[in-house]
Amino acid sequence: MSIYVGNLDYSINQEDLNEVKSEYGKVKRVHIPTDRETGRVRGFAFVEMESDTDEDKAIKELDGTTWMELTLKVNKARQE
């Protein structure tokens, strides 16, 4: 399972997300989608953590918090 992290600053990078999420458990993978044409970060990311418990804790603690002057939207990523 992955976590969706929305409303991110466009200057965000993997190291930034690893640093924040690692406070809630071990981060397995971070994916930050970019625009195909411009290569610019799209303002959201997917973070996969070591366990569902760590993911649940990160969601609970981070959803609605302010980071880099933006209010984060954090929830379970939908499986497509």
N, C-alpha and C. Protein backbone atom coordinates (compact mmCIF):
# COMPACT_ATOMS: atom_id res chain seq x y z
N MET A 1 0.85 -1.17 0.00
CA MET A 1 0.00 0.00 0.00
C MET A 1 0.90 1.24 0.00
N SER A 2 0.41 2.29 -0.59
CA SER A 2 1.14 3.55 -0.65
C SER A 2 0.32 4.68 -0.05
N ILE A 3 1.01 5.74 0.29
CA ILE A 3 0.39 6.95 0.80
C ILE A 3 0.42 8.00 -0.31
N TYR A 4 -0.70 8.68 -0.50
CA TYR A 4 -0.76 9.83 -1.40
C TYR A 4 -0.48 11.07 -0.57
N VAL A 5 0.43 11.90 -1.03
CA VAL A 5 0.74 13.15 -0.35
C VAL A 5 0.51 14.27 -1.36
N GLY A 6 -0.52 15.07 -1.11
CA GLY A 6 -0.89 16.13 -2.04
C GLY A 6 -0.65 17.51 -1.50
N ASN A 7 -0.72 18.48 -2.41
CA ASN A 7 -0.51 19.90 -2.13
C ASN A 7 0.93 20.16 -1.72
N LEU A 8 1.85 19.56 -2.46
CA LEU A 8 3.28 19.75 -2.20
C LEU A 8 3.82 20.93 -2.98
N ASP A 9 4.84 21.55 -2.45
CA ASP A 9 5.54 22.62 -3.14
C ASP A 9 6.20 22.02 -4.39
N TYR A 10 6.24 22.80 -5.46
CA TYR A 10 6.81 22.31 -6.72
C TYR A 10 8.32 22.12 -6.67
N SER A 11 8.97 22.60 -5.62
CA SER A 11 10.42 22.43 -5.50
C SER A 11 10.78 21.17 -4.71
N ILE A 12 9.79 20.37 -4.35
CA ILE A 12 10.00 19.18 -3.52
C ILE A 12 10.90 18.17 -4.23
N ASN A 13 11.67 17.40 -3.46
CA ASN A 13 12.46 16.32 -4.03
C ASN A 13 12.37 15.10 -3.12
N GLN A 14 12.94 13.99 -3.58
CA GLN A 14 12.84 12.74 -2.83
C GLN A 14 13.48 12.83 -1.45
N GLU A 15 14.58 13.52 -1.34
CA GLU A 15 15.26 13.64 -0.05
C GLU A 15 14.36 14.35 0.98
N ASP A 16 13.65 15.40 0.52
CA ASP A 16 12.74 16.11 1.42
C ASP A 16 11.68 15.16 1.97
N LEU A 17 11.06 14.39 1.09
CA LEU A 17 10.00 13.48 1.53
C LEU A 17 10.54 12.35 2.39
N ASN A 18 11.70 11.81 2.03
CA ASN A 18 12.31 10.76 2.85
C ASN A 18 12.55 11.25 4.26
N GLU A 19 13.04 12.47 4.38
CA GLU A 19 13.35 13.05 5.70
C GLU A 19 12.10 13.18 6.55
N VAL A 20 11.03 13.69 5.97
CA VAL A 20 9.79 13.88 6.73
C VAL A 20 9.15 12.55 7.08
N LYS A 21 9.00 11.67 6.13
CA LYS A 21 8.32 10.40 6.36
C LYS A 21 9.11 9.45 7.25
N SER A 22 10.43 9.55 7.24
CA SER A 22 11.23 8.63 8.05
C SER A 22 10.99 8.83 9.54
N GLU A 23 10.40 9.96 9.93
CA GLU A 23 10.04 10.16 11.33
C GLU A 23 8.93 9.21 11.77
N TYR A 24 8.23 8.62 10.81
CA TYR A 24 7.08 7.77 11.10
C TYR A 24 7.34 6.30 10.80
N GLY A 25 8.54 5.97 10.37
CA GLY A 25 8.89 4.60 10.06
C GLY A 25 9.80 4.56 8.85
N LYS A 26 10.17 3.35 8.46
CA LYS A 26 11.10 3.18 7.34
C LYS A 26 10.40 3.39 6.00
N VAL A 27 10.96 4.27 5.19
CA VAL A 27 10.43 4.55 3.85
C VAL A 27 11.06 3.57 2.87
N LYS A 28 10.20 2.86 2.13
CA LYS A 28 10.69 1.91 1.12
C LYS A 28 10.90 2.58 -0.23
N ARG A 29 9.95 3.46 -0.61
CA ARG A 29 10.03 4.05 -1.94
C ARG A 29 9.27 5.37 -1.97
N VAL A 30 9.78 6.31 -2.75
CA VAL A 30 9.11 7.59 -2.97
C VAL A 30 9.01 7.80 -4.47
N HIS A 31 7.81 8.17 -4.94
CA HIS A 31 7.62 8.48 -6.36
C HIS A 31 6.97 9.85 -6.47
N ILE A 32 7.67 10.76 -7.15
CA ILE A 32 7.17 12.12 -7.35
C ILE A 32 6.90 12.29 -8.85
N PRO A 33 5.63 12.22 -9.27
CA PRO A 33 5.30 12.37 -10.68
C PRO A 33 5.67 13.75 -11.23
N THR A 34 6.11 13.77 -12.47
CA THR A 34 6.43 15.02 -13.14
C THR A 34 5.60 15.14 -14.42
N ASP A 35 5.43 16.36 -14.87
CA ASP A 35 4.71 16.64 -16.11
C ASP A 35 5.54 16.12 -17.29
N ARG A 36 4.92 15.43 -18.22
CA ARG A 36 5.63 14.86 -19.36
C ARG A 36 6.29 15.91 -20.23
N GLU A 37 5.61 17.00 -20.43
CA GLU A 37 6.11 18.01 -21.36
C GLU A 37 7.13 18.95 -20.74
N THR A 38 6.90 19.35 -19.49
CA THR A 38 7.79 20.34 -18.87
C THR A 38 8.81 19.73 -17.92
N GLY A 39 8.55 18.52 -17.43
CA GLY A 39 9.43 17.89 -16.45
C GLY A 39 9.25 18.44 -15.04
N ARG A 40 8.31 19.36 -14.88
CA ARG A 40 8.05 20.00 -13.59
C ARG A 40 7.27 19.05 -12.66
N VAL A 41 7.63 19.09 -11.39
CA VAL A 41 6.92 18.30 -10.38
C VAL A 41 5.44 18.70 -10.39
N ARG A 42 4.54 17.72 -10.24
CA ARG A 42 3.11 17.98 -10.35
C ARG A 42 2.44 18.36 -9.03
N GLY A 43 3.17 18.39 -7.94
CA GLY A 43 2.60 18.84 -6.67
C GLY A 43 2.04 17.75 -5.78
N PHE A 44 2.33 16.51 -6.12
CA PHE A 44 1.92 15.40 -5.26
C PHE A 44 2.94 14.28 -5.38
N ALA A 45 2.85 13.31 -4.46
CA ALA A 45 3.79 12.19 -4.46
C ALA A 45 3.13 10.96 -3.86
N PHE A 46 3.78 9.84 -4.07
CA PHE A 46 3.36 8.57 -3.47
C PHE A 46 4.54 8.06 -2.65
N VAL A 47 4.25 7.68 -1.42
CA VAL A 47 5.28 7.18 -0.52
C VAL A 47 4.87 5.79 -0.04
N GLU A 48 5.77 4.84 -0.18
CA GLU A 48 5.53 3.49 0.30
C GLU A 48 6.41 3.28 1.52
N MET A 49 5.79 2.83 2.60
CA MET A 49 6.53 2.62 3.84
C MET A 49 6.64 1.13 4.15
N GLU A 50 7.49 0.81 5.09
CA GLU A 50 7.78 -0.59 5.44
C GLU A 50 6.55 -1.36 5.91
N SER A 51 5.65 -0.71 6.65
CA SER A 51 4.49 -1.44 7.16
C SER A 51 3.23 -0.58 7.08
N ASP A 52 2.09 -1.24 7.10
CA ASP A 52 0.80 -0.53 7.10
C ASP A 52 0.65 0.32 8.36
N THR A 53 1.20 -0.16 9.47
CA THR A 53 1.13 0.58 10.72
C THR A 53 1.86 1.91 10.59
N ASP A 54 3.05 1.89 9.97
CA ASP A 54 3.81 3.12 9.75
C ASP A 54 3.05 4.07 8.83
N GLU A 55 2.42 3.52 7.79
CA GLU A 55 1.65 4.34 6.87
C GLU A 55 0.46 4.99 7.58
N ASP A 56 -0.25 4.21 8.38
CA ASP A 56 -1.40 4.74 9.11
C ASP A 56 -0.97 5.87 10.06
N LYS A 57 0.17 5.67 10.73
CA LYS A 57 0.67 6.69 11.65
C LYS A 57 1.04 7.96 10.89
N ALA A 58 1.71 7.83 9.75
CA ALA A 58 2.09 9.00 8.96
C ALA A 58 0.86 9.76 8.46
N ILE A 59 -0.16 9.02 8.02
CA ILE A 59 -1.39 9.65 7.55
C ILE A 59 -2.04 10.44 8.68
N LYS A 60 -2.18 9.80 9.81
CA LYS A 60 -2.83 10.43 10.96
C LYS A 60 -2.09 11.69 11.41
N GLU A 61 -0.77 11.62 11.45
CA GLU A 61 0.04 12.72 11.96
C GLU A 61 0.23 13.86 10.95
N LEU A 62 0.23 13.55 9.65
CA LEU A 62 0.58 14.56 8.66
C LEU A 62 -0.59 15.20 7.91
N ASP A 63 -1.72 14.50 7.82
CA ASP A 63 -2.85 15.06 7.07
C ASP A 63 -3.32 16.36 7.71
N GLY A 64 -3.36 17.41 6.91
CA GLY A 64 -3.81 18.71 7.40
C GLY A 64 -2.73 19.57 8.03
N THR A 65 -1.51 19.05 8.13
CA THR A 65 -0.43 19.85 8.70
C THR A 65 0.16 20.78 7.64
N THR A 66 0.85 21.80 8.09
CA THR A 66 1.49 22.74 7.18
C THR A 66 2.96 22.38 7.04
N TRP A 67 3.41 22.29 5.79
CA TRP A 67 4.80 21.99 5.49
C TRP A 67 5.20 22.80 4.27
N MET A 68 6.28 23.52 4.36
CA MET A 68 6.75 24.40 3.28
C MET A 68 5.65 25.40 2.91
N GLU A 69 4.95 25.88 3.94
CA GLU A 69 3.90 26.89 3.83
C GLU A 69 2.64 26.41 3.08
N LEU A 70 2.48 25.11 2.94
CA LEU A 70 1.29 24.53 2.30
C LEU A 70 0.66 23.50 3.22
N THR A 71 -0.66 23.39 3.17
CA THR A 71 -1.38 22.41 3.99
C THR A 71 -1.43 21.08 3.23
N LEU A 72 -0.84 20.05 3.83
CA LEU A 72 -0.76 18.75 3.18
C LEU A 72 -2.08 18.00 3.20
N LYS A 73 -2.32 17.24 2.16
CA LYS A 73 -3.42 16.29 2.07
C LYS A 73 -2.77 14.91 1.99
N VAL A 74 -2.95 14.11 3.02
CA VAL A 74 -2.29 12.81 3.10
C VAL A 74 -3.34 11.74 3.35
N ASN A 75 -3.36 10.72 2.50
CA ASN A 75 -4.28 9.59 2.68
C ASN A 75 -3.76 8.36 1.96
N LYS A 76 -4.48 7.26 2.11
CA LYS A 76 -4.10 6.03 1.41
C LYS A 76 -4.26 6.25 -0.08
N ALA A 77 -3.28 5.83 -0.85
CA ALA A 77 -3.37 5.95 -2.30
C ALA A 77 -4.39 4.96 -2.82
N ARG A 78 -5.16 5.39 -3.80
CA ARG A 78 -6.16 4.50 -4.41
C ARG A 78 -5.46 3.53 -5.35
N GLN A 79 -5.85 2.29 -5.30
CA GLN A 79 -5.33 1.28 -6.21
C GLN A 79 -6.11 1.31 -7.51
N GLU A 80 -5.45 1.52 -8.60
CA GLU A 80 -6.13 1.61 -9.92
C GLU A 80 -5.96 0.31 -10.65
